Amino acid sequence: MEFTDIFTVDSIRLYDGESNTKAFVDISIADSAIVPNFRVVKHPTQGHLFLGMPQKAEKDKDGNTTYRNVLYVGRLDYKKLTKLVVNEYEQAVVADKKAKKAKKSK
């Protein structure tokens, strides 16, 4: 069984804000579960894209907000998942630009 038979991108929501976060992605696992809110993030100094794991915000005993990952994957699977998601993200960006250009020309 191939990696892409297990993990597939279910949806991509592009984010145009002033953040390093470029998109939110939901990933389907074996067509039986969806893990929401992965993030496509642009590294602030190196400029490459990477995959941010879904996180849950929690308050610590001092009232400070902390974040913890809600899904953990091994290093090899993380690299494969990042490649899969970044490729899908880049395709979504191209499609979004074409749609905006077509809308302007009408």
Protein backbone atom coordinates (compact mmCIF):
# COMPACT_ATOMS: atom_id res chain seq x y z
CA MET A 1 0.00 0.00 0.00
CA GLU A 2 1.33 3.41 -1.01
CA PHE A 3 1.56 6.38 1.35
CA THR A 4 -0.94 8.31 -0.77
CA ASP A 5 -3.41 5.43 -0.43
CA ILE A 6 -3.46 6.12 3.31
CA PHE A 7 -3.09 9.91 3.56
CA THR A 8 -4.95 12.25 1.21
CA VAL A 9 -5.66 15.96 1.30
CA ASP A 10 -9.37 16.41 2.00
CA SER A 11 -9.51 20.21 1.77
CA ILE A 12 -7.28 23.28 1.57
CA ARG A 13 -8.29 26.72 2.80
CA LEU A 14 -5.87 29.37 1.60
CA TYR A 15 -5.08 32.10 4.13
CA ASP A 16 -4.08 35.56 2.87
CA GLY A 17 -3.35 37.19 6.20
CA GLU A 18 -0.13 38.85 7.32
CA SER A 19 0.98 35.64 8.99
CA ASN A 20 3.50 32.95 8.10
CA THR A 21 0.52 30.58 7.94
CA LYS A 22 -0.43 30.25 4.28
CA ALA A 23 -3.22 27.64 4.42
CA PHE A 24 -5.19 25.31 6.63
CA VAL A 25 -5.47 21.72 5.46
CA ASP A 26 -7.66 18.78 6.45
CA ILE A 27 -6.15 15.34 5.87
CA SER A 28 -8.05 12.11 5.40
CA ILE A 29 -6.53 8.94 6.83
CA ALA A 30 -7.46 5.76 4.96
CA ASP A 31 -10.77 7.33 3.92
CA SER A 32 -12.10 6.67 7.42
CA ALA A 33 -11.00 9.64 9.54
CA ILE A 34 -10.28 13.31 8.88
CA VAL A 35 -7.72 15.23 10.90
CA PRO A 36 -8.44 18.97 10.56
CA ASN A 37 -6.29 22.07 10.84
CA PHE A 38 -2.86 21.14 9.62
CA ARG A 39 -1.11 24.35 8.60
CA VAL A 40 1.08 25.19 5.62
CA VAL A 41 3.63 27.58 7.11
CA LYS A 42 6.34 29.67 5.46
CA HIS A 43 9.55 29.60 7.47
CA PRO A 44 10.16 33.20 8.60
CA THR A 45 13.88 33.32 7.80
CA GLN A 46 14.57 30.52 5.32
CA GLY A 47 11.42 30.99 3.24
CA HIS A 48 10.60 27.32 2.61
CA LEU A 49 7.18 25.83 3.30
CA PHE A 50 6.61 23.23 5.96
CA LEU A 51 3.71 21.43 7.57
CA GLY A 52 2.48 22.50 10.99
CA MET A 53 0.69 19.83 12.98
CA PRO A 54 -2.83 20.45 14.29
CA GLN A 55 -2.69 21.98 17.76
CA LYS A 56 -4.94 22.49 20.73
CA ALA A 57 -4.71 25.66 22.82
CA GLU A 58 -4.69 25.18 26.59
CA LYS A 59 -4.18 27.44 29.58
CA ASP A 60 -1.41 26.54 32.00
CA LYS A 61 -1.71 27.01 35.76
CA ASP A 62 -0.55 30.65 35.41
CA GLY A 63 -3.20 31.43 32.80
CA ASN A 64 -0.76 31.52 29.87
CA THR A 65 -1.88 29.96 26.61
CA THR A 66 0.17 26.99 25.50
CA TYR A 67 -0.24 24.80 22.44
CA ARG A 68 0.17 21.07 22.08
CA ASN A 69 0.10 18.92 18.99
CA VAL A 70 -2.91 16.65 18.72
CA LEU A 71 -1.29 14.29 16.20
CA TYR A 72 2.19 12.86 16.05
CA VAL A 73 3.73 11.12 13.05
CA GLY A 74 7.17 9.62 12.54
CA ARG A 75 9.91 11.60 10.82
CA LEU A 76 9.72 9.69 7.52
CA ASP A 77 5.93 9.98 7.35
CA TYR A 78 6.16 13.67 8.30
CA LYS A 79 8.46 14.30 5.33
CA LYS A 80 6.11 12.42 2.99
CA LEU A 81 3.08 14.21 4.41
CA THR A 82 4.81 17.59 4.04
CA LYS A 83 5.67 16.86 0.41
CA LEU A 84 2.09 15.75 -0.32
CA VAL A 85 0.51 18.79 1.34
CA VAL A 86 2.93 21.38 -0.07
CA ASN A 87 2.36 20.01 -3.60
CA GLU A 88 -1.42 20.24 -3.13
CA TYR A 89 -1.05 23.73 -1.65
CA GLU A 90 0.99 24.95 -4.63
CA GLN A 91 -1.65 23.59 -7.02
CA ALA A 92 -4.38 25.35 -5.01
CA VAL A 93 -2.48 28.65 -5.18
CA VAL A 94 -2.14 28.39 -8.96
CA ALA A 95 -5.85 27.54 -9.33
CA ASP A 96 -6.80 30.45 -7.03
CA LYS A 97 -4.71 32.92 -9.08
CA LYS A 98 -6.29 31.68 -12.32
CA ALA A 99 -9.78 32.02 -10.82
CA LYS A 100 -9.08 35.57 -9.62
CA LYS A 101 -7.63 36.53 -13.00
CA ALA A 102 -10.65 35.09 -14.83
CA LYS A 103 -13.01 36.94 -12.48
CA LYS A 104 -11.22 40.26 -13.13
CA SER A 105 -11.39 39.82 -16.90
CA LYS A 106 -15.21 39.48 -16.88
